[in-house]
Structure formats: C-alpha cells, structure tokens
C-alpha atoms as a PDB file:
ATOM      1  CA  MET A   1      -7.930   3.446  16.032  1.00  0.00           C
ATOM      2  CA  THR A   2      -8.612   3.605  12.101  1.00  0.00           C
ATOM      3  CA  GLN A   3     -11.004   6.503  10.854  1.00  0.00           C
ATOM      4  CA  GLU A   4     -13.458   3.613  10.085  1.00  0.00           C
ATOM      5  CA  LEU A   5     -13.330   2.258  13.637  1.00  0.00           C
ATOM      6  CA  GLU A   6     -13.574   5.934  14.819  1.00  0.00           C
ATOM      7  CA  ALA A   7     -16.678   6.418  12.677  1.00  0.00           C
ATOM      8  CA  SER A   8     -18.327   3.009  13.470  1.00  0.00           C
ATOM      9  CA  TYR A   9     -18.132   4.296  17.377  1.00  0.00           C
ATOM     10  CA  LYS A  10     -19.274   7.712  16.857  1.00  0.00           C
ATOM     11  CA  SER A  11     -22.204   6.066  14.503  1.00  0.00           C
ATOM     12  CA  THR A  12     -23.209   3.985  17.378  1.00  0.00           C
ATOM     13  CA  LEU A  13     -23.167   6.456  19.798  1.00  0.00           C
ATOM     14  CA  LYS A  14     -25.256   8.855  17.975  1.00  0.00           C
ATOM     15  CA  LYS A  15     -27.930   6.267  17.007  1.00  0.00           C
ATOM     16  CA  ALA A  16     -28.077   5.531  21.212  1.00  0.00           C
ATOM     17  CA  GLU A  17     -28.378   9.270  21.763  1.00  0.00           C
ATOM     18  CA  GLU A  18     -31.039   9.940  18.959  1.00  0.00           C
ATOM     19  CA  ILE A  19     -32.800   6.784  20.460  1.00  0.00           C
ATOM     20  CA  GLY A  20     -32.950   8.311  23.611  1.00  0.00           C
ATOM     21  CA  PHE A  21     -33.715  11.815  22.792  1.00  0.00           C
ATOM     22  CA  GLU A  22     -36.640  10.818  20.717  1.00  0.00           C
ATOM     23  CA  MET A  23     -38.258   8.800  23.423  1.00  0.00           C
ATOM     24  CA  LEU A  24     -37.980  11.592  26.012  1.00  0.00           C
ATOM     25  CA  GLU A  25     -39.638  14.051  23.370  1.00  0.00           C
ATOM     26  CA  GLN A  26     -42.384  11.706  23.312  1.00  0.00           C
ATOM     27  CA  GLY A  27     -42.819  11.999  26.801  1.00  0.00           C
ATOM     28  CA  LYS A  28     -41.540   8.214  28.082  1.00  0.00           C
ATOM     29  CA  LEU A  29     -39.968   8.057  31.192  1.00  0.00           C
ATOM     30  CA  ALA A  30     -36.156   9.167  31.307  1.00  0.00           C
ATOM     31  CA  VAL A  31     -35.210   5.365  32.630  1.00  0.00           C
ATOM     32  CA  ASP A  32     -37.091   3.860  29.512  1.00  0.00           C
ATOM     33  CA  ALA A  33     -35.262   6.083  27.332  1.00  0.00           C
ATOM     34  CA  VAL A  34     -31.798   5.153  28.871  1.00  0.00           C
ATOM     35  CA  GLU A  35     -32.674   1.448  28.851  1.00  0.00           C
ATOM     36  CA  ALA A  36     -33.117   1.721  25.075  1.00  0.00           C
ATOM     37  CA  ALA A  37     -29.913   3.693  24.138  1.00  0.00           C
ATOM     38  CA  VAL A  38     -28.055   0.995  26.436  1.00  0.00           C
ATOM     39  CA  GLN A  39     -29.678  -1.890  24.713  1.00  0.00           C
ATOM     40  CA  LEU A  40     -28.533  -0.553  21.629  1.00  0.00           C
ATOM     41  CA  LEU A  41     -25.153  -0.038  22.739  1.00  0.00           C
ATOM     42  CA  GLU A  42     -25.100  -3.642  24.159  1.00  0.00           C
ATOM     43  CA  ALA A  43     -26.190  -5.109  20.960  1.00  0.00           C
ATOM     44  CA  SER A  44     -23.082  -3.267  18.852  1.00  0.00           C
ATOM     45  CA  ARG A  45     -21.076  -5.819  21.268  1.00  0.00           C
ATOM     46  CA  ARG A  46     -21.218  -8.311  18.509  1.00  0.00           C
ATOM     47  CA  LEU A  47     -19.397  -5.796  16.540  1.00  0.00           C
ATOM     48  CA  SER A  48     -17.088  -5.732  19.562  1.00  0.00           C
ATOM     49  CA  LEU A  49     -17.386  -1.642  19.654  1.00  0.00           C
ATOM     50  CA  ILE A  50     -19.173  -0.669  23.080  1.00  0.00           C
ATOM     51  CA  GLN A  51     -18.702  -2.880  25.984  1.00  0.00           C
ATOM     52  CA  CYS A  52     -21.394  -1.924  28.515  1.00  0.00           C
ATOM     53  CA  GLY A  53     -21.222  -2.973  32.022  1.00  0.00           C
ATOM     54  CA  LYS A  54     -17.502  -4.136  31.044  1.00  0.00           C
ATOM     55  CA  ARG A  55     -15.501  -1.241  32.913  1.00  0.00           C
ATOM     56  CA  ARG A  56     -13.733  -0.397  29.739  1.00  0.00           C
ATOM     57  CA  SER A  57     -12.481   2.707  28.303  1.00  0.00           C
ATOM     58  CA  PHE A  58     -13.224   4.005  24.754  1.00  0.00           C
ATOM     59  CA  TYR A  59     -10.052   2.214  23.513  1.00  0.00           C
ATOM     60  CA  GLY A  60     -10.878  -1.208  25.096  1.00  0.00           C
ATOM     61  CA  GLU A  61      -8.347  -0.889  27.678  1.00  0.00           C
ATOM     62  CA  ARG A  62      -9.632  -2.320  31.024  1.00  0.00           C
ATOM     63  CA  ILE A  63      -9.874  -0.365  34.158  1.00  0.00           C
ATOM     64  CA  SER A  64      -9.311  -1.536  37.477  1.00  0.00           C
END
C-alpha cells in the first residue's frame, strides 16, 4: 500500500469518526450518528477505499 493510499484510508476513517462524534455531541441518537458515518464510508466506495457490508479486510482481501 502506498503512503498516499494509506493517507486516503485514514482521512476517510477520520472524517467518519468526526461526523459521528459531532452528532453525538449535539445530542443526536447513536444510531443516527452511526448511520451518518457509514454513509460517508459507503460514499468512499466510489474511490474504492472502504467496502461497507462486503466482508472485506482493510487491504481488500475477501474474508470468508
């Protein structure tokens, strides 16, 4: 994995964490915070970064 790709993963994960935490600080429901974070991760699929619900590891190998 290149340093640029690793930085993209970490940046996307950090944004998801920040979105969820910010919603919790605003008194929103935990389920809504998780949903918002997952939606951000799913949107990153266009960049082939995070595969939500696909049972994949961090590096993209399929997990059975």
